[in-house]
Amino acid sequence: MHPNLREVIPLAPEPIVKQDGTSKNDCERNAAKRLLRKIRAEHPHLKFLVIEDGLASNGPHIEEILSLGMDYLLGAKPGDHKFLFDQVIEAHDAKRIATIKGTTIDGNRYDITFVNGLMLNESHRHLEVNFLQYHEYDAADRVVKQFSWVTNLKITRDNAPSLVAGGAAVAGRSRTRPSKH
């Protein structure tokens, strides 16, 4: 899908079912692994940006995506990534966080913050990720939307709004659209 377009091109679904020779049903992670491998096999030369929710932002899945020559933008929640969010706090304290402020097409104020070069977690210190966060505020300055992601793409002031739009569109919040600066 594309955050600026209404059309979605569906891919062949990968069912979560009992696999041959097993006694239990499969899981979403294994189905995603099979699906990504099939997509890469069918389209060996296409560039892919895999956008998924927070369930996918784990070391083995990221390693799988990278091994397939794909890029990723994966949801990351503070409760699931304490080690990562502690690094974000340290980066903020060291003034390494970049911030973009603006107004949405709905008239709400937003902040996009990002920092490159963090470790995913303690057990996958070798996996360097770049962190992106979006906060949207209403007229009373209350947070109405909040998202965070990790990616292997270098985040810049130029691409951060597009990354936010893509990640939010997949999360089902397609109206989260920062306006042009």
C-alpha atoms as a PDB file:
ATOM      1  CA  MET A   1       0.000   0.000   0.000  1.00  0.00           C
ATOM      2  CA  HIS A   2       1.029   3.597  -0.407  1.00  0.00           C
ATOM      3  CA  PRO A   3       0.074   6.308   2.102  1.00  0.00           C
ATOM      4  CA  ASN A   4      -0.883   8.756  -0.670  1.00  0.00           C
ATOM      5  CA  LEU A   5      -3.065   6.332  -2.627  1.00  0.00           C
ATOM      6  CA  ARG A   6      -6.392   4.681  -1.810  1.00  0.00           C
ATOM      7  CA  GLU A   7      -5.608   1.560  -3.831  1.00  0.00           C
ATOM      8  CA  VAL A   8      -4.023  -1.394  -2.110  1.00  0.00           C
ATOM      9  CA  ILE A   9      -2.367  -4.209  -4.007  1.00  0.00           C
ATOM     10  CA  PRO A  10      -3.012  -7.376  -2.018  1.00  0.00           C
ATOM     11  CA  LEU A  11      -0.417 -10.099  -1.965  1.00  0.00           C
ATOM     12  CA  ALA A  12      -1.210 -13.767  -1.762  1.00  0.00           C
ATOM     13  CA  PRO A  13      -2.062 -14.369   1.898  1.00  0.00           C
ATOM     14  CA  GLU A  14      -0.041 -16.779   3.966  1.00  0.00           C
ATOM     15  CA  PRO A  15      -2.425 -18.742   6.189  1.00  0.00           C
ATOM     16  CA  ILE A  16      -1.717 -19.500   9.804  1.00  0.00           C
ATOM     17  CA  VAL A  17      -2.548 -23.212   9.837  1.00  0.00           C
ATOM     18  CA  LYS A  18      -1.162 -26.475  11.098  1.00  0.00           C
ATOM     19  CA  GLN A  19       1.873 -27.302   8.965  1.00  0.00           C
ATOM     20  CA  ASP A  20       2.592 -30.817   7.715  1.00  0.00           C
ATOM     21  CA  GLY A  21       4.083 -32.981  10.428  1.00  0.00           C
ATOM     22  CA  THR A  22       3.145 -30.699  13.327  1.00  0.00           C
ATOM     23  CA  SER A  23       0.520 -31.062  16.006  1.00  0.00           C
ATOM     24  CA  LYS A  24      -0.097 -27.366  16.744  1.00  0.00           C
ATOM     25  CA  ASN A  25      -1.281 -24.448  14.638  1.00  0.00           C
ATOM     26  CA  ASP A  26       1.355 -22.169  13.204  1.00  0.00           C
ATOM     27  CA  CYS A  27       1.992 -18.607  14.407  1.00  0.00           C
ATOM     28  CA  GLU A  28       1.969 -15.177  12.775  1.00  0.00           C
ATOM     29  CA  ARG A  29       5.758 -14.905  12.920  1.00  0.00           C
ATOM     30  CA  ASN A  30       6.316 -18.148  10.991  1.00  0.00           C
ATOM     31  CA  ALA A  31       3.628 -17.229   8.457  1.00  0.00           C
ATOM     32  CA  ALA A  32       5.298 -13.834   7.941  1.00  0.00           C
ATOM     33  CA  LYS A  33       8.662 -15.527   7.419  1.00  0.00           C
ATOM     34  CA  ARG A  34       7.190 -17.834   4.766  1.00  0.00           C
ATOM     35  CA  LEU A  35       5.398 -14.951   3.068  1.00  0.00           C
ATOM     36  CA  LEU A  36       8.506 -12.751   2.878  1.00  0.00           C
ATOM     37  CA  ARG A  37      10.566 -15.634   1.458  1.00  0.00           C
ATOM     38  CA  LYS A  38       7.892 -16.296  -1.195  1.00  0.00           C
ATOM     39  CA  ILE A  39       7.711 -12.612  -2.127  1.00  0.00           C
ATOM     40  CA  ARG A  40      11.487 -12.416  -2.486  1.00  0.00           C
ATOM     41  CA  ALA A  41      11.584 -15.608  -4.571  1.00  0.00           C
ATOM     42  CA  GLU A  42       8.845 -14.302  -6.890  1.00  0.00           C
ATOM     43  CA  HIS A  43      10.316 -10.797  -7.126  1.00  0.00           C
ATOM     44  CA  PRO A  44      14.086 -11.142  -6.691  1.00  0.00           C
ATOM     45  CA  HIS A  45      14.939  -7.689  -8.079  1.00  0.00           C
ATOM     46  CA  LEU A  46      12.257  -5.475  -6.512  1.00  0.00           C
ATOM     47  CA  LYS A  47      12.969  -3.186  -3.591  1.00  0.00           C
ATOM     48  CA  PHE A  48      10.724  -3.789  -0.599  1.00  0.00           C
ATOM     49  CA  LEU A  49       9.986  -1.813   2.536  1.00  0.00           C
ATOM     50  CA  VAL A  50       8.348  -4.197   5.006  1.00  0.00           C
ATOM     51  CA  ILE A  51       6.024  -2.271   7.327  1.00  0.00           C
ATOM     52  CA  GLU A  52       4.620  -4.210  10.271  1.00  0.00           C
ATOM     53  CA  ASP A  53       3.323  -3.677  13.783  1.00  0.00           C
ATOM     54  CA  GLY A  54       5.218  -4.060  17.035  1.00  0.00           C
ATOM     55  CA  LEU A  55       5.039  -7.862  17.019  1.00  0.00           C
ATOM     56  CA  ALA A  56       7.616  -7.838  14.209  1.00  0.00           C
ATOM     57  CA  SER A  57      10.258  -5.632  15.829  1.00  0.00           C
ATOM     58  CA  ASN A  58      12.358  -8.449  17.213  1.00  0.00           C
ATOM     59  CA  GLY A  59      15.890  -9.517  16.381  1.00  0.00           C
ATOM     60  CA  PRO A  60      15.228 -12.785  14.530  1.00  0.00           C
ATOM     61  CA  HIS A  61      12.543 -11.223  12.318  1.00  0.00           C
ATOM     62  CA  ILE A  62      14.685  -8.186  11.502  1.00  0.00           C
ATOM     63  CA  GLU A  63      17.606 -10.465  10.644  1.00  0.00           C
ATOM     64  CA  GLU A  64      15.285 -12.437   8.320  1.00  0.00           C
ATOM     65  CA  ILE A  65      14.115  -9.261   6.558  1.00  0.00           C
ATOM     66  CA  LEU A  66      17.695  -8.069   6.091  1.00  0.00           C
ATOM     67  CA  SER A  67      18.831 -11.485   4.838  1.00  0.00           C
ATOM     68  CA  LEU A  68      16.196 -11.189   2.094  1.00  0.00           C
ATOM     69  CA  GLY A  69      17.607  -7.825   1.010  1.00  0.00           C
ATOM     70  CA  MET A  70      14.551  -5.913   2.199  1.00  0.00           C
ATOM     71  CA  ASP A  71      14.219  -2.759   4.263  1.00  0.00           C
ATOM     72  CA  TYR A  72      11.880  -2.445   7.241  1.00  0.00           C
ATOM     73  CA  LEU A  73       9.785   0.013   9.235  1.00  0.00           C
ATOM     74  CA  LEU A  74       8.429  -1.789  12.299  1.00  0.00           C
ATOM     75  CA  GLY A  75       6.320  -0.575  15.187  1.00  0.00           C
ATOM     76  CA  ALA A  76       8.095  -0.342  18.535  1.00  0.00           C
ATOM     77  CA  LYS A  77       6.331   0.102  21.872  1.00  0.00           C
ATOM     78  CA  PRO A  78       8.017   1.276  25.079  1.00  0.00           C
ATOM     79  CA  GLY A  79       6.729  -1.709  27.066  1.00  0.00           C
ATOM     80  CA  ASP A  80       8.279  -4.127  24.588  1.00  0.00           C
ATOM     81  CA  HIS A  81      11.552  -2.238  24.046  1.00  0.00           C
ATOM     82  CA  LYS A  82      12.750  -0.809  27.358  1.00  0.00           C
ATOM     83  CA  PHE A  83      16.415  -1.073  26.335  1.00  0.00           C
ATOM     84  CA  LEU A  84      15.744   0.835  23.100  1.00  0.00           C
ATOM     85  CA  PHE A  85      13.637   3.538  24.742  1.00  0.00           C
ATOM     86  CA  ASP A  86      16.306   4.012  27.445  1.00  0.00           C
ATOM     87  CA  GLN A  87      18.762   4.756  24.601  1.00  0.00           C
ATOM     88  CA  VAL A  88      16.277   7.258  23.156  1.00  0.00           C
ATOM     89  CA  ILE A  89      16.158   9.041  26.526  1.00  0.00           C
ATOM     90  CA  GLU A  90      19.964   9.073  26.637  1.00  0.00           C
ATOM     91  CA  ALA A  91      20.090  10.444  23.077  1.00  0.00           C
ATOM     92  CA  HIS A  92      17.585  13.141  24.048  1.00  0.00           C
ATOM     93  CA  ASP A  93      19.667  14.102  27.088  1.00  0.00           C
ATOM     94  CA  ALA A  94      22.781  14.238  24.857  1.00  0.00           C
ATOM     95  CA  LYS A  95      20.851  16.447  22.376  1.00  0.00           C
ATOM     96  CA  ARG A  96      21.194  13.841  19.587  1.00  0.00           C
ATOM     97  CA  ILE A  97      17.448  13.755  18.859  1.00  0.00           C
ATOM     98  CA  ALA A  98      16.238  15.644  15.795  1.00  0.00           C
ATOM     99  CA  THR A  99      12.747  17.150  15.878  1.00  0.00           C
ATOM    100  CA  ILE A 100      10.407  18.310  13.145  1.00  0.00           C
ATOM    101  CA  LYS A 101       7.351  20.328  14.188  1.00  0.00           C
ATOM    102  CA  GLY A 102       4.346  21.025  12.037  1.00  0.00           C
ATOM    103  CA  THR A 103       0.603  20.944  11.539  1.00  0.00           C
ATOM    104  CA  THR A 104      -1.477  18.074  10.147  1.00  0.00           C
ATOM    105  CA  ILE A 105      -4.009  18.443   7.357  1.00  0.00           C
ATOM    106  CA  ASP A 106      -6.641  18.343  10.146  1.00  0.00           C
ATOM    107  CA  GLY A 107      -5.046  21.329  11.886  1.00  0.00           C
ATOM    108  CA  ASN A 108      -3.490  19.452  14.804  1.00  0.00           C
ATOM    109  CA  ARG A 109       0.070  20.148  15.901  1.00  0.00           C
ATOM    110  CA  TYR A 110       2.623  17.330  15.602  1.00  0.00           C
ATOM    111  CA  ASP A 111       6.219  16.510  16.508  1.00  0.00           C
ATOM    112  CA  ILE A 112       8.332  13.973  14.653  1.00  0.00           C
ATOM    113  CA  THR A 113      11.480  12.979  16.514  1.00  0.00           C
ATOM    114  CA  PHE A 114      14.214  10.664  15.348  1.00  0.00           C
ATOM    115  CA  VAL A 115      17.682   9.397  16.111  1.00  0.00           C
ATOM    116  CA  ASN A 116      19.900   7.083  14.085  1.00  0.00           C
ATOM    117  CA  GLY A 117      22.311   4.418  15.320  1.00  0.00           C
ATOM    118  CA  LEU A 118      20.741   2.712  18.340  1.00  0.00           C
ATOM    119  CA  MET A 119      20.858  -0.945  19.408  1.00  0.00           C
ATOM    120  CA  LEU A 120      17.595  -2.892  19.106  1.00  0.00           C
ATOM    121  CA  ASN A 121      17.879  -4.629  22.469  1.00  0.00           C
ATOM    122  CA  GLU A 122      20.356  -6.179  24.880  1.00  0.00           C
ATOM    123  CA  SER A 123      20.363  -9.581  23.199  1.00  0.00           C
ATOM    124  CA  HIS A 124      20.739  -8.111  19.686  1.00  0.00           C
ATOM    125  CA  ARG A 125      23.269  -5.339  20.260  1.00  0.00           C
ATOM    126  CA  HIS A 126      24.692  -6.011  16.790  1.00  0.00           C
ATOM    127  CA  LEU A 127      21.404  -4.903  15.187  1.00  0.00           C
ATOM    128  CA  GLU A 128      21.668  -1.176  14.662  1.00  0.00           C
ATOM    129  CA  VAL A 129      18.299   0.500  14.243  1.00  0.00           C
ATOM    130  CA  ASN A 130      17.119   4.020  13.614  1.00  0.00           C
ATOM    131  CA  PHE A 131      14.274   5.272  15.792  1.00  0.00           C
ATOM    132  CA  LEU A 132      11.309   7.376  14.670  1.00  0.00           C
ATOM    133  CA  GLN A 133       8.490   8.732  16.831  1.00  0.00           C
ATOM    134  CA  TYR A 134       5.333  10.714  16.090  1.00  0.00           C
ATOM    135  CA  HIS A 135       3.157  12.658  18.540  1.00  0.00           C
ATOM    136  CA  GLU A 136       0.036  14.538  17.495  1.00  0.00           C
ATOM    137  CA  TYR A 137      -1.685  17.066  19.772  1.00  0.00           C
ATOM    138  CA  ASP A 138      -5.189  18.545  19.692  1.00  0.00           C
ATOM    139  CA  ALA A 139      -6.088  22.204  20.332  1.00  0.00           C
ATOM    140  CA  ALA A 140      -5.966  21.585  24.111  1.00  0.00           C
ATOM    141  CA  ASP A 141      -2.402  20.211  23.717  1.00  0.00           C
ATOM    142  CA  ARG A 142      -3.478  16.641  24.576  1.00  0.00           C
ATOM    143  CA  VAL A 143      -1.737  13.771  22.807  1.00  0.00           C
ATOM    144  CA  VAL A 144      -4.265  12.271  20.364  1.00  0.00           C
ATOM    145  CA  LYS A 145      -1.909   9.999  18.413  1.00  0.00           C
ATOM    146  CA  GLN A 146       1.440   8.486  19.277  1.00  0.00           C
ATOM    147  CA  PHE A 147       3.492   6.025  17.262  1.00  0.00           C
ATOM    148  CA  SER A 148       7.083   4.837  17.242  1.00  0.00           C
ATOM    149  CA  TRP A 149       9.027   2.698  14.825  1.00  0.00           C
ATOM    150  CA  VAL A 150      12.456   1.235  14.152  1.00  0.00           C
ATOM    151  CA  THR A 151      13.956   1.059  10.683  1.00  0.00           C
ATOM    152  CA  ASN A 152      17.187   0.224   8.933  1.00  0.00           C
ATOM    153  CA  LEU A 153      16.747   3.272   6.674  1.00  0.00           C
ATOM    154  CA  LYS A 154      18.706   6.353   7.648  1.00  0.00           C
ATOM    155  CA  ILE A 155      16.161   8.875   8.880  1.00  0.00           C
ATOM    156  CA  THR A 156      16.551  12.470   7.721  1.00  0.00           C
ATOM    157  CA  ARG A 157      14.487  15.629   7.925  1.00  0.00           C
ATOM    158  CA  ASP A 158      13.512  15.012   4.308  1.00  0.00           C
ATOM    159  CA  ASN A 159      12.249  11.427   4.641  1.00  0.00           C
ATOM    160  CA  ALA A 160      10.888  11.396   8.227  1.00  0.00           C
ATOM    161  CA  PRO A 161       7.391  12.705   7.315  1.00  0.00           C
ATOM    162  CA  SER A 162       7.047  10.096   4.547  1.00  0.00           C
ATOM    163  CA  LEU A 163       8.153   7.309   6.892  1.00  0.00           C
ATOM    164  CA  VAL A 164       5.587   8.458   9.466  1.00  0.00           C
ATOM    165  CA  ALA A 165       2.853   8.516   6.813  1.00  0.00           C
ATOM    166  CA  GLY A 166       3.744   4.990   5.649  1.00  0.00           C
ATOM    167  CA  GLY A 167       3.924   3.541   9.140  1.00  0.00           C
ATOM    168  CA  ALA A 168       0.685   5.196  10.238  1.00  0.00           C
ATOM    169  CA  ALA A 169      -1.156   4.100   7.077  1.00  0.00           C
ATOM    170  CA  VAL A 170      -0.333   0.471   7.766  1.00  0.00           C
ATOM    171  CA  ALA A 171      -1.431   0.901  11.362  1.00  0.00           C
ATOM    172  CA  GLY A 172      -4.860   1.871   9.986  1.00  0.00           C
ATOM    173  CA  ARG A 173      -4.502   5.547  10.697  1.00  0.00           C
ATOM    174  CA  SER A 174      -4.281   6.901   7.179  1.00  0.00           C
ATOM    175  CA  ARG A 175      -5.460  10.357   8.300  1.00  0.00           C
ATOM    176  CA  THR A 176      -2.155  10.798  10.118  1.00  0.00           C
ATOM    177  CA  ARG A 177      -0.628  12.881   7.412  1.00  0.00           C
ATOM    178  CA  PRO A 178       1.804  15.642   8.209  1.00  0.00           C
ATOM    179  CA  SER A 179       1.366  18.602   5.903  1.00  0.00           C
ATOM    180  CA  LYS A 180       4.262  19.941   3.841  1.00  0.00           C
ATOM    181  CA  HIS A 181       6.567  22.173   5.917  1.00  0.00           C
END
